């Protein structure tokens, strides 16, 4: 009975973010923009089959689209966290529009080649790399906290609405009007996004003396990603799934043309079927999640995707292939939304763009590596064999990876602001460092094992929030005195660390403090590196 109530409540709130005007306007604009992008991608993928019959060359288009995201997502995430996100997104739209204009002009003049198509696809991938983490990072600015998970799911739904409409529309336009006109439709779609972003009354960010610079923010993001075990689990599960499932996307143009005997319009119908299936999957997913949990959802997605890949390898009738792609759409949005939703839920706002960029890097790296690998396998064997191999691997890895449970994402990541301001005899320059922080605990011998276990959890928090080194020592003359220490790059970074500590982190620290036996709280000391050029001179 409890599961039914939870499922009902979650289902009823699925479309709640659309009642907020700001989110609704930007959401509609992104659906239009993504529809244009899918129209462009259909034209590029099909145009490559005209330029070359090589499976490796066809797969190269998919790789060229995803490789820039793999290479640039993390720097893009840093920019998303330190720049004005609205202005940054507007600039990206002009880059993407310029790319589609170039594709349109080359196609109209009959000058398109394998090299130019791959190069411009790569440039479009750069725009996607810059936009991905930034667009996801603005979600908390657009909706109330209670609607956050629904907003993430709606963004995935919007992409798949575009996937349903865009490929079918692109296939029809391509078959009737040609590639140049198809690319022109994509150019127009960017105008809707620019207009929506210009309308967004985003308040100007207040000047902050502790605002991060690119290099420091880049290092802080990598430190967080390296120290977050929960993020590691999400990244591992995502890589395993998408590396194996990428075979269907890399080879789908050849499946449509060679195995199923279809043309450009039929290829668009296949992709549209994926999108329609994804829409249906998004509607029923709350109930599935309540029944199966996130781990069960991901296993189901792997098994269903593998079944569709195996089915297509036997060259079924076209109507059956369309039905299979509808089912694939349900599995695909299930995997995307599950992994993305968990990633969003475990990230604090201060590092959201950077950590989502790490997730996108792994996702697109898996898609790129998988596309190139499966294209090479198909080149040396055949498309049906490659699909069967990918399906077999997906089943095996899906069952094994199911034992590695995804995090729940229920921790309270709102800043606690419970750290006292550090005491200083004189003002300290923000760029001075590194800084050594020491905390003295008095712990009984009997409590030491449990204290060290609690402190191990605290060490991960220190590293996530900015420490590049951490340790625990004991006093040789006084066994009850334990000294925790950690180092951060600069005084400014330590002050930022004060603002980053979440309520969940505060609970971990309280668990450590219960072992402290002193009448007062542990003594905290701050030491600055003695690196001033004139200090210490005679």
Protein backbone atom coordinates (compact mmCIF):
# COMPACT_ATOMS: atom_id res chain seq x y z
CA UNK A 1 0.00 0.00 0.00
CA UNK A 2 2.85 2.38 0.85
CA UNK A 3 4.51 1.74 -2.53
CA UNK A 4 1.26 2.54 -4.34
CA UNK A 5 0.88 5.84 -2.49
CA UNK A 6 4.49 6.79 -3.20
CA UNK A 7 4.09 5.94 -6.84
CA UNK A 8 0.91 7.98 -7.08
CA UNK A 9 2.48 11.00 -5.42
CA UNK A 10 5.54 10.85 -7.63
CA UNK A 11 3.49 10.39 -10.78
CA UNK A 12 1.20 13.31 -9.93
CA UNK A 13 4.21 15.60 -9.50
CA UNK A 14 5.93 14.63 -12.76
CA UNK A 15 4.68 17.70 -14.67
CA UNK A 16 4.63 20.10 -11.69
CA UNK A 17 7.68 22.14 -12.88
CA UNK A 18 5.76 23.16 -16.02
CA UNK A 19 3.44 25.21 -13.80
CA UNK A 20 6.40 27.53 -13.20
CA UNK A 21 6.54 29.97 -16.13
CA UNK A 22 10.32 30.36 -16.28
CA UNK A 23 10.97 26.64 -16.45
CA UNK A 24 8.12 26.10 -18.92
CA UNK A 25 9.38 28.76 -21.37
CA UNK A 26 12.96 27.51 -21.32
CA UNK A 27 11.81 23.90 -21.50
CA UNK A 28 9.71 24.54 -24.63
CA UNK A 29 12.61 26.45 -26.20
CA UNK A 30 14.99 23.54 -25.59
CA UNK A 31 12.51 21.09 -27.10
CA UNK A 32 12.43 23.22 -30.25
CA UNK A 33 16.23 23.55 -30.26
CA UNK A 34 16.82 19.85 -29.70
CA UNK A 35 14.32 19.04 -32.43
CA UNK A 36 16.42 21.11 -34.81
CA UNK A 37 19.56 19.32 -33.64
CA UNK A 38 18.03 15.92 -34.38
CA UNK A 39 16.94 17.18 -37.80
CA UNK A 40 20.58 18.16 -38.43
CA UNK A 41 21.94 14.86 -37.12
CA UNK A 42 19.66 12.82 -39.38
CA UNK A 43 20.87 14.79 -42.39
CA UNK A 44 24.53 14.32 -41.42
CA UNK A 45 24.24 10.59 -40.67
CA UNK A 46 22.37 9.85 -43.88
CA UNK A 47 24.56 12.12 -45.97
CA UNK A 48 27.59 10.14 -44.81
CA UNK A 49 26.04 6.92 -46.17
CA UNK A 50 25.86 8.69 -49.54
CA UNK A 51 29.48 9.84 -49.31
CA UNK A 52 30.85 6.48 -48.10
CA UNK A 53 29.53 2.93 -47.65
CA UNK A 54 32.23 2.08 -45.07
CA UNK A 55 30.78 1.15 -41.64
CA UNK A 56 33.80 2.77 -40.00
CA UNK A 57 33.13 6.07 -41.82
CA UNK A 58 29.45 6.01 -40.85
CA UNK A 59 30.36 5.32 -37.21
CA UNK A 60 32.88 8.19 -37.42
CA UNK A 61 30.00 10.71 -37.57
CA UNK A 62 28.70 9.46 -34.23
CA UNK A 63 32.24 9.55 -32.80
CA UNK A 64 32.85 13.10 -34.10
CA UNK A 65 29.67 14.27 -32.36
CA UNK A 66 30.53 12.73 -28.98
CA UNK A 67 34.35 13.07 -28.85
CA UNK A 68 34.30 16.86 -28.13
CA UNK A 69 32.02 16.27 -25.16
CA UNK A 70 34.49 13.70 -23.87
CA UNK A 71 37.39 16.13 -24.31
CA UNK A 72 35.78 19.41 -23.26
CA UNK A 73 32.97 18.63 -20.84
CA UNK A 74 35.06 19.19 -17.71
CA UNK A 75 36.42 22.61 -18.81
CA UNK A 76 32.85 23.44 -19.85
CA UNK A 77 31.63 22.45 -16.40
CA UNK A 78 34.18 24.79 -14.82
CA UNK A 79 32.93 27.63 -17.03
CA UNK A 80 29.36 26.76 -16.06
CA UNK A 81 30.24 27.22 -12.39
CA UNK A 82 32.20 30.48 -12.70
CA UNK A 83 30.57 32.40 -15.62
CA UNK A 84 27.15 33.98 -16.09
CA UNK A 85 25.30 30.90 -17.32
CA UNK A 86 22.68 32.80 -19.33
CA UNK A 87 25.23 34.78 -21.38
CA UNK A 88 27.36 31.68 -21.81
CA UNK A 89 24.42 29.72 -23.20
CA UNK A 90 23.54 32.52 -25.65
CA UNK A 91 27.09 32.52 -27.01
CA UNK A 92 26.94 28.75 -27.51
CA UNK A 93 23.75 29.08 -29.60
CA UNK A 94 25.55 31.40 -32.02
CA UNK A 95 28.38 28.86 -32.35
CA UNK A 96 25.93 26.07 -33.14
CA UNK A 97 23.97 28.22 -35.58
CA UNK A 98 27.20 29.09 -37.41
CA UNK A 99 28.03 25.39 -37.71
CA UNK A 100 24.66 24.56 -39.26
CA UNK A 101 24.92 27.54 -41.63
CA UNK A 102 28.26 26.15 -42.86
CA UNK A 103 26.73 22.70 -43.38
CA UNK A 104 23.83 24.28 -45.26
CA UNK A 105 26.04 26.31 -47.60
CA UNK A 106 28.41 23.42 -48.38
CA UNK A 107 25.50 21.10 -49.12
CA UNK A 108 23.76 23.69 -51.31
CA UNK A 109 26.96 24.18 -53.32
CA UNK A 110 27.59 20.45 -53.66
CA UNK A 111 30.95 20.77 -51.90
CA UNK A 112 30.26 18.51 -48.93
CA UNK A 113 32.86 15.79 -48.35
CA UNK A 114 33.64 13.17 -45.73
CA UNK A 115 36.28 15.47 -44.23
CA UNK A 116 34.11 18.59 -44.07
CA UNK A 117 31.14 16.66 -42.69
CA UNK A 118 33.21 15.09 -39.91
CA UNK A 119 34.93 18.42 -39.11
CA UNK A 120 31.67 20.37 -38.83
CA UNK A 121 30.06 17.57 -36.85
CA UNK A 122 33.03 17.82 -34.49
CA UNK A 123 32.49 21.60 -34.22
CA UNK A 124 28.83 21.01 -33.40
CA UNK A 125 29.99 18.54 -30.77
CA UNK A 126 32.08 21.33 -29.21
CA UNK A 127 28.92 23.42 -28.86
CA UNK A 128 27.12 20.45 -27.28
CA UNK A 129 30.06 19.94 -24.91
CA UNK A 130 29.87 23.54 -23.72
CA UNK A 131 26.08 23.55 -23.42
CA UNK A 132 25.45 20.20 -21.68
CA UNK A 133 26.75 20.83 -18.14
CA UNK A 134 25.66 24.48 -18.23
CA UNK A 135 22.06 23.68 -19.14
CA UNK A 136 21.81 20.99 -16.48
CA UNK A 137 23.41 23.25 -13.86
CA UNK A 138 20.70 25.95 -14.24
CA UNK A 139 17.87 23.58 -13.24
CA UNK A 140 18.02 24.52 -9.52
CA UNK A 141 17.61 28.17 -10.55
CA UNK A 142 14.40 27.45 -12.46
CA UNK A 143 12.34 25.32 -10.08
CA UNK A 144 11.61 24.92 -6.40
CA UNK A 145 13.59 22.29 -4.53
CA UNK A 146 10.59 19.96 -4.19
CA UNK A 147 10.24 19.88 -8.00
CA UNK A 148 13.91 19.30 -8.74
CA UNK A 149 13.75 15.58 -9.55
CA UNK A 150 10.69 16.10 -11.71
CA UNK A 151 12.49 18.89 -13.58
CA UNK A 152 15.42 16.56 -14.31
CA UNK A 153 12.99 13.94 -15.61
CA UNK A 154 11.15 16.54 -17.72
CA UNK A 155 14.42 17.64 -19.30
CA UNK A 156 15.02 14.03 -20.34
CA UNK A 157 11.43 13.85 -21.57
CA UNK A 158 11.94 17.03 -23.59
CA UNK A 159 14.99 15.58 -25.28
CA UNK A 160 13.03 12.50 -26.22
CA UNK A 161 10.06 14.48 -27.49
CA UNK A 162 12.59 16.13 -29.77
CA UNK A 163 13.98 12.69 -30.58
CA UNK A 164 10.48 11.56 -31.56
CA UNK A 165 9.70 14.58 -33.75
CA UNK A 166 13.15 15.62 -35.01
CA UNK A 167 14.35 12.47 -36.79
CA UNK A 168 11.02 11.80 -38.46
CA UNK A 169 10.76 15.46 -39.51
CA UNK A 170 14.39 15.44 -40.61
CA UNK A 171 13.91 12.30 -42.68
CA UNK A 172 10.87 13.74 -44.43
CA UNK A 173 12.54 17.10 -45.13
CA UNK A 174 15.74 15.39 -46.28
CA UNK A 175 13.86 13.09 -48.66
CA UNK A 176 11.72 15.87 -50.12
CA UNK A 177 13.82 19.06 -49.90
CA UNK A 178 17.45 17.92 -49.67
CA UNK A 179 20.24 18.31 -47.11
CA UNK A 180 20.73 22.09 -47.47
CA UNK A 181 17.10 22.86 -46.60
CA UNK A 182 17.25 20.38 -43.70
CA UNK A 183 20.24 22.18 -42.18
CA UNK A 184 18.40 25.49 -42.63
CA UNK A 185 15.58 24.22 -40.40
CA UNK A 186 18.14 23.62 -37.65
CA UNK A 187 19.46 27.18 -37.98
CA UNK A 188 15.97 28.58 -37.37
CA UNK A 189 15.53 26.48 -34.22
CA UNK A 190 18.37 28.30 -32.46
CA UNK A 191 16.46 31.57 -32.69
CA UNK A 192 13.86 30.19 -30.26
CA UNK A 193 16.50 29.33 -27.66
CA UNK A 194 18.22 32.71 -27.94
CA UNK A 195 14.88 34.51 -27.58
CA UNK A 196 13.98 32.50 -24.46
CA UNK A 197 17.39 33.12 -22.87
CA UNK A 198 17.17 36.86 -23.59
CA UNK A 199 13.71 36.88 -21.96
CA UNK A 200 14.98 35.11 -18.81
CA UNK A 201 15.25 37.82 -16.11
CA UNK A 202 18.21 36.16 -14.40
CA UNK A 203 19.51 38.39 -11.57
CA UNK A 204 23.11 39.49 -11.79
CA UNK A 205 25.45 37.52 -9.60
CA UNK A 206 26.79 39.46 -6.66
CA UNK A 207 30.49 40.20 -6.58
CA UNK A 208 32.28 37.72 -4.35
CA UNK A 209 35.89 38.21 -3.31
CA UNK A 210 36.09 34.41 -2.97
CA UNK A 211 34.85 33.72 -6.51
CA UNK A 212 36.87 30.97 -8.15
CA UNK A 213 39.23 31.35 -11.09
CA UNK A 214 39.31 28.85 -13.92
CA UNK A 215 42.45 26.89 -12.98
CA UNK A 216 41.61 26.70 -9.27
CA UNK A 217 38.00 25.79 -9.99
CA UNK A 218 39.19 23.09 -12.39
CA UNK A 219 41.39 21.53 -9.72
CA UNK A 220 38.65 21.79 -7.08
CA UNK A 221 36.21 20.01 -9.39
CA UNK A 222 38.64 17.19 -10.09
CA UNK A 223 39.39 16.83 -6.37
CA UNK A 224 35.69 16.50 -5.62
CA UNK A 225 35.19 13.92 -8.37
CA UNK A 226 38.24 11.95 -7.21
CA UNK A 227 37.07 11.87 -3.57
CA UNK A 228 33.36 11.14 -4.10
CA UNK A 229 32.80 7.39 -3.94
CA UNK A 230 29.09 7.86 -4.72
CA UNK A 231 29.99 9.62 -7.96
CA UNK A 232 32.45 6.82 -8.79
CA UNK A 233 29.63 4.27 -8.63
CA UNK A 234 27.44 6.32 -10.98
CA UNK A 235 30.31 6.82 -13.43
CA UNK A 236 31.18 3.12 -13.48
CA UNK A 237 27.60 2.02 -14.08
CA UNK A 238 27.17 4.66 -16.80
CA UNK A 239 30.37 3.69 -18.63
CA UNK A 240 29.55 -0.01 -18.67
CA UNK A 241 26.02 0.52 -19.96
CA UNK A 242 26.70 3.13 -22.64
CA UNK A 243 29.90 1.57 -24.01
CA UNK A 244 27.98 -1.59 -24.85
CA UNK A 245 24.65 0.01 -25.83
CA UNK A 246 26.41 2.45 -28.20
CA UNK A 247 26.60 -0.22 -30.91
CA UNK A 248 22.95 0.25 -31.83
CA UNK A 249 23.37 4.02 -32.27
CA UNK A 250 26.63 3.78 -34.22
CA UNK A 251 25.22 1.24 -36.67
CA UNK A 252 21.54 2.24 -36.88
CA UNK A 253 21.94 4.01 -40.28
CA UNK A 254 23.39 0.77 -41.70
CA UNK A 255 20.69 -1.29 -39.98
CA UNK A 256 18.04 0.88 -41.66
CA UNK A 257 19.67 0.76 -45.09
CA UNK A 258 21.32 -2.67 -45.32
CA UNK A 259 19.39 -4.96 -42.98
CA UNK A 260 15.93 -3.42 -43.28
CA UNK A 261 16.12 -2.02 -46.83
CA UNK A 262 14.83 1.43 -45.91
CA UNK A 263 15.62 4.94 -47.10
CA UNK A 264 16.19 8.27 -45.39
CA UNK A 265 12.53 8.62 -44.47
CA UNK A 266 12.46 5.17 -42.86
CA UNK A 267 15.63 5.95 -40.90
CA UNK A 268 13.90 9.04 -39.53
CA UNK A 269 10.86 6.93 -38.61
CA UNK A 270 13.10 4.53 -36.68
CA UNK A 271 14.61 7.37 -34.67
CA UNK A 272 11.18 8.88 -34.19
CA UNK A 273 9.99 5.56 -32.79
CA UNK A 274 12.78 5.71 -30.21
CA UNK A 275 11.58 9.15 -29.19
CA UNK A 276 7.94 8.08 -28.95
CA UNK A 277 8.93 5.11 -26.85
CA UNK A 278 10.93 7.41 -24.61
CA UNK A 279 7.90 9.65 -24.07
CA UNK A 280 5.85 6.66 -23.00
CA UNK A 281 8.72 5.49 -20.80
CA UNK A 282 8.91 8.86 -19.06
CA UNK A 283 5.21 8.70 -18.21
CA UNK A 284 5.32 5.21 -16.68
CA UNK A 285 8.76 5.54 -15.08
CA UNK A 286 7.60 6.85 -11.66
CA UNK A 287 5.58 3.67 -11.16
CA UNK A 288 8.43 1.50 -12.39
CA UNK A 289 10.86 3.28 -10.07
CA UNK A 290 8.59 2.76 -7.09
CA UNK A 291 8.34 -0.95 -7.93
CA UNK A 292 11.89 -1.74 -9.07
CA UNK A 293 14.14 0.94 -7.54
CA UNK A 294 16.95 2.62 -9.45
CA UNK A 295 19.08 -0.52 -9.66
CA UNK A 296 16.19 -2.58 -10.97
CA UNK A 297 15.41 0.09 -13.56
CA UNK A 298 18.95 0.07 -14.88
CA UNK A 299 19.06 -3.72 -15.10
CA UNK A 300 15.74 -3.72 -16.93
CA UNK A 301 17.07 -1.10 -19.37
CA UNK A 302 20.15 -3.23 -20.10
CA UNK A 303 18.16 -6.42 -20.71
CA UNK A 304 15.55 -4.73 -22.92
CA UNK A 305 18.20 -2.88 -24.96
CA UNK A 306 20.09 -6.14 -25.49
CA UNK A 307 16.91 -7.90 -26.61
CA UNK A 308 16.17 -5.18 -29.19
CA UNK A 309 19.74 -5.30 -30.54
CA UNK A 310 19.57 -9.08 -30.91
CA UNK A 311 16.16 -8.83 -32.60
CA UNK A 312 17.37 -6.29 -35.17
CA UNK A 313 20.37 -8.46 -36.05
CA UNK A 314 17.97 -10.97 -37.69
CA UNK A 315 16.69 -8.32 -40.18
CA UNK A 316 13.01 -8.37 -39.13
CA UNK A 317 10.21 -6.79 -41.23
CA UNK A 318 10.20 -3.01 -41.18
CA UNK A 319 7.01 -2.78 -39.09
CA UNK A 320 8.51 -5.10 -36.47
CA UNK A 321 11.71 -3.04 -36.39
CA UNK A 322 9.71 0.12 -35.74
CA UNK A 323 7.92 -1.64 -32.86
CA UNK A 324 11.28 -2.80 -31.47
CA UNK A 325 12.63 0.76 -31.58
CA UNK A 326 9.61 1.94 -29.58
CA UNK A 327 10.63 -0.52 -26.87
CA UNK A 328 14.25 0.62 -27.17
CA UNK A 329 13.09 4.19 -26.48
CA UNK A 330 11.54 3.09 -23.18
CA UNK A 331 14.78 1.37 -22.15
CA UNK A 332 16.97 4.26 -23.28
CA UNK A 333 15.16 7.01 -21.37
CA UNK A 334 15.03 4.72 -18.35
CA UNK A 335 18.81 4.39 -18.33
CA UNK A 336 19.46 8.07 -19.11
CA UNK A 337 17.03 9.45 -16.54
CA UNK A 338 18.02 6.99 -13.83
CA UNK A 339 21.75 7.65 -14.09
CA UNK A 340 21.40 11.40 -14.63
CA UNK A 341 18.89 11.74 -11.81
CA UNK A 342 21.14 9.91 -9.35
CA UNK A 343 24.14 12.01 -10.44
CA UNK A 344 22.17 15.23 -9.91
CA UNK A 345 20.88 14.08 -6.52
CA UNK A 346 24.32 13.39 -5.02
CA UNK A 347 25.93 16.71 -6.08
CA UNK A 348 26.04 19.97 -4.08
CA UNK A 349 25.34 23.17 -6.02
CA UNK A 350 28.85 24.62 -5.70
CA UNK A 351 30.36 21.85 -7.85
CA UNK A 352 27.29 20.75 -9.81
CA UNK A 353 28.44 21.96 -13.23
CA UNK A 354 31.90 20.46 -12.90
CA UNK A 355 30.75 17.10 -11.59
CA UNK A 356 27.98 16.82 -14.16
CA UNK A 357 30.67 17.54 -16.73
CA UNK A 358 32.64 14.57 -15.40
CA UNK A 359 29.51 12.46 -15.80
CA UNK A 360 29.01 13.74 -19.35
CA UNK A 361 32.67 13.05 -20.09
CA UNK A 362 32.27 9.43 -19.06
CA UNK A 363 28.96 9.13 -20.92
CA UNK A 364 30.30 10.55 -24.17
CA UNK A 365 33.66 8.82 -23.77
CA UNK A 366 31.79 5.53 -23.53
CA UNK A 367 29.68 6.42 -26.58
CA UNK A 368 32.74 7.52 -28.56
CA UNK A 369 34.87 4.51 -27.66
CA UNK A 370 31.93 2.21 -28.21
CA UNK A 371 31.05 3.75 -31.60
CA UNK A 372 34.61 3.46 -32.90
CA UNK A 373 35.03 -0.05 -31.52
CA UNK A 374 31.73 -1.40 -32.79
CA UNK A 375 32.26 0.28 -36.17
CA UNK A 376 35.62 -1.49 -36.47
CA UNK A 377 34.06 -4.81 -35.45
CA UNK A 378 31.34 -4.38 -38.09
CA UNK A 379 33.98 -3.47 -40.66
CA UNK A 380 35.84 -6.75 -40.07
CA UNK A 381 32.80 -8.98 -39.49
CA UNK A 382 29.23 -7.87 -40.20
CA UNK A 383 26.54 -5.64 -38.78
CA UNK A 384 24.37 -8.56 -37.49
CA UNK A 385 27.35 -10.17 -35.71
CA UNK A 386 28.28 -6.86 -34.09
CA UNK A 387 24.75 -6.30 -32.78
CA UNK A 388 24.67 -9.82 -31.31
CA UNK A 389 28.08 -9.32 -29.68
CA UNK A 390 26.98 -6.02 -28.15
CA UNK A 391 23.75 -7.55 -26.89
CA UNK A 392 25.55 -10.48 -25.27
CA UNK A 393 28.03 -8.18 -23.56
CA UNK A 394 25.25 -5.90 -22.32
CA UNK A 395 23.38 -8.79 -20.69
CA UNK A 396 26.50 -10.16 -18.99
CA UNK A 397 27.79 -6.80 -17.75
CA UNK A 398 24.31 -5.66 -16.73
CA UNK A 399 23.88 -8.68 -14.45
CA UNK A 400 27.33 -8.29 -12.91
CA UNK A 401 27.08 -4.49 -12.45
CA UNK A 402 23.70 -4.89 -10.76
CA UNK A 403 25.61 -6.00 -7.65
CA UNK A 404 27.21 -2.52 -7.44
CA UNK A 405 24.31 -0.55 -5.98
CA UNK A 406 23.66 3.05 -6.99
CA UNK A 407 23.59 5.68 -4.21
CA UNK A 408 20.19 6.77 -2.90
CA UNK A 409 20.86 10.50 -3.26
CA UNK A 410 18.90 11.35 -0.12
CA UNK A 411 21.62 13.30 1.75
CA UNK A 412 20.90 16.94 2.66
CA UNK A 413 23.50 18.88 0.64
CA UNK A 414 22.39 22.39 1.66
CA UNK A 415 25.36 24.30 3.19
CA UNK A 416 25.30 24.04 6.99
CA UNK A 417 27.43 27.15 7.66
CA UNK A 418 28.27 25.72 11.07
CA UNK A 419 32.05 26.22 10.94
CA UNK A 420 33.24 29.19 12.99
CA UNK A 421 35.28 31.82 11.19
CA UNK A 422 39.00 31.09 11.61
CA UNK A 423 40.80 33.39 14.05
CA UNK A 424 43.63 35.52 12.65
CA UNK A 425 45.96 37.94 14.39
CA UNK A 426 46.21 40.07 11.24
CA UNK A 427 44.33 40.02 7.91
CA UNK A 428 45.45 37.19 5.60
CA UNK A 429 45.79 37.59 1.86
CA UNK A 430 43.39 35.29 0.03
CA UNK A 431 46.03 33.89 -2.32
CA UNK A 432 48.44 32.99 0.47
CA UNK A 433 48.99 29.27 0.99
CA UNK A 434 49.06 26.41 1.27
CA UNK A 435 47.18 26.21 4.55
CA UNK A 436 47.55 23.45 7.13
CA UNK A 437 44.57 22.87 9.43
CA UNK A 438 44.97 20.79 12.60
CA UNK A 439 42.21 19.49 14.90
CA UNK A 440 43.11 17.94 18.26
CA UNK A 441 40.87 15.17 19.65
CA UNK A 442 41.16 13.39 22.96
CA UNK A 443 39.96 9.79 22.52
CA UNK A 444 40.06 6.83 24.89
CA UNK A 445 41.89 3.67 23.82
CA UNK A 446 38.61 1.74 23.85
CA UNK A 447 36.93 4.22 21.47
CA UNK A 448 39.85 4.50 19.07
CA UNK A 449 38.71 1.83 16.50
CA UNK A 450 35.22 3.34 16.14
CA UNK A 451 36.69 6.85 16.13
CA UNK A 452 39.01 5.98 13.24
CA UNK A 453 36.14 4.48 11.26
CA UNK A 454 34.11 7.66 11.70
CA UNK A 455 37.16 9.75 10.83
CA UNK A 456 37.66 7.79 7.60
CA UNK A 457 34.22 8.98 6.46
CA UNK A 458 35.15 12.52 7.46
CA UNK A 459 38.37 12.37 5.44
CA UNK A 460 36.35 11.85 2.24
CA UNK A 461 34.32 14.96 3.09
CA UNK A 462 37.48 17.01 3.66
CA UNK A 463 38.86 15.96 0.28
CA UNK A 464 35.60 16.58 -1.57
CA UNK A 465 35.36 20.11 -0.21
CA UNK A 466 38.91 21.18 -1.05
CA UNK A 467 41.67 19.34 0.85
CA UNK A 468 44.45 17.93 -1.32
CA UNK A 469 46.08 16.03 1.56
CA UNK A 470 44.72 14.53 4.78
CA UNK A 471 46.06 12.48 7.67
CA UNK A 472 45.70 11.40 11.30
CA UNK A 473 48.55 11.19 13.82
CA UNK A 474 48.92 10.34 17.51
CA UNK A 475 51.01 11.87 20.29
CA UNK A 476 53.79 9.44 21.30
CA UNK A 477 53.86 10.86 24.84
CA UNK A 478 50.07 10.97 25.22
CA UNK A 479 48.25 8.07 23.44
CA UNK A 480 44.86 9.66 24.04
CA UNK A 481 45.72 12.73 21.95
CA UNK A 482 44.89 12.31 18.23
CA UNK A 483 45.68 14.99 15.66
CA UNK A 484 43.72 15.26 12.41
CA UNK A 485 45.31 17.44 9.74
CA UNK A 486 44.52 18.44 6.17
CA UNK A 487 45.92 20.91 3.65
CA UNK A 488 44.25 23.23 1.15
CA UNK A 489 45.79 25.30 -1.63
CA UNK A 490 45.20 28.79 -0.26
CA UNK A 491 43.49 30.83 2.41
CA UNK A 492 40.68 31.67 -0.02
CA UNK A 493 40.15 27.99 -0.76
CA UNK A 494 39.86 27.25 2.96
CA UNK A 495 37.27 30.03 3.35
CA UNK A 496 35.36 28.50 0.44
CA UNK A 497 35.60 25.18 2.26
CA UNK A 498 33.68 26.78 5.15
CA UNK A 499 30.83 27.56 2.75
CA UNK A 500 30.84 24.14 1.09
CA UNK A 501 30.27 21.96 4.15
CA UNK A 502 26.75 20.53 3.89
CA UNK A 503 24.28 19.46 6.54
CA UNK A 504 25.03 15.84 5.69
CA UNK A 505 28.74 16.57 6.23
CA UNK A 506 27.89 18.21 9.56
CA UNK A 507 26.24 14.97 10.65
CA UNK A 508 29.46 13.09 9.85
CA UNK A 509 31.46 15.59 11.88
CA UNK A 510 29.04 15.24 14.82
CA UNK A 511 29.59 11.47 14.67
CA UNK A 512 33.35 12.06 15.02
CA UNK A 513 32.94 14.60 17.82
CA UNK A 514 30.98 12.22 20.05
CA UNK A 515 34.24 10.33 20.68
CA UNK A 516 36.02 13.48 21.89
CA UNK A 517 36.45 13.34 25.69
CA UNK A 518 37.60 16.90 26.41
CA UNK A 519 35.43 19.38 28.27
CA UNK A 520 35.83 21.87 25.41
CA UNK A 521 35.43 21.31 21.69
CA UNK A 522 38.55 20.08 19.86
CA UNK A 523 41.25 22.72 19.41
CA UNK A 524 41.52 23.89 15.79
CA UNK A 525 44.69 25.59 14.51
CA UNK A 526 45.48 27.12 11.12
CA UNK A 527 49.06 27.31 9.80
CA UNK A 528 50.12 29.28 6.74
CA UNK A 529 53.15 28.43 4.63
CA UNK A 530 56.06 30.75 5.47
CA UNK A 531 56.52 31.96 1.91
CA UNK A 532 56.60 35.78 2.05
CA UNK A 533 59.74 36.95 0.23
CA UNK A 534 60.98 39.32 2.99
CA UNK A 535 60.04 37.29 6.03
CA UNK A 536 62.85 35.65 7.96
CA UNK A 537 65.63 37.85 6.53
CA UNK A 538 68.27 39.18 8.88
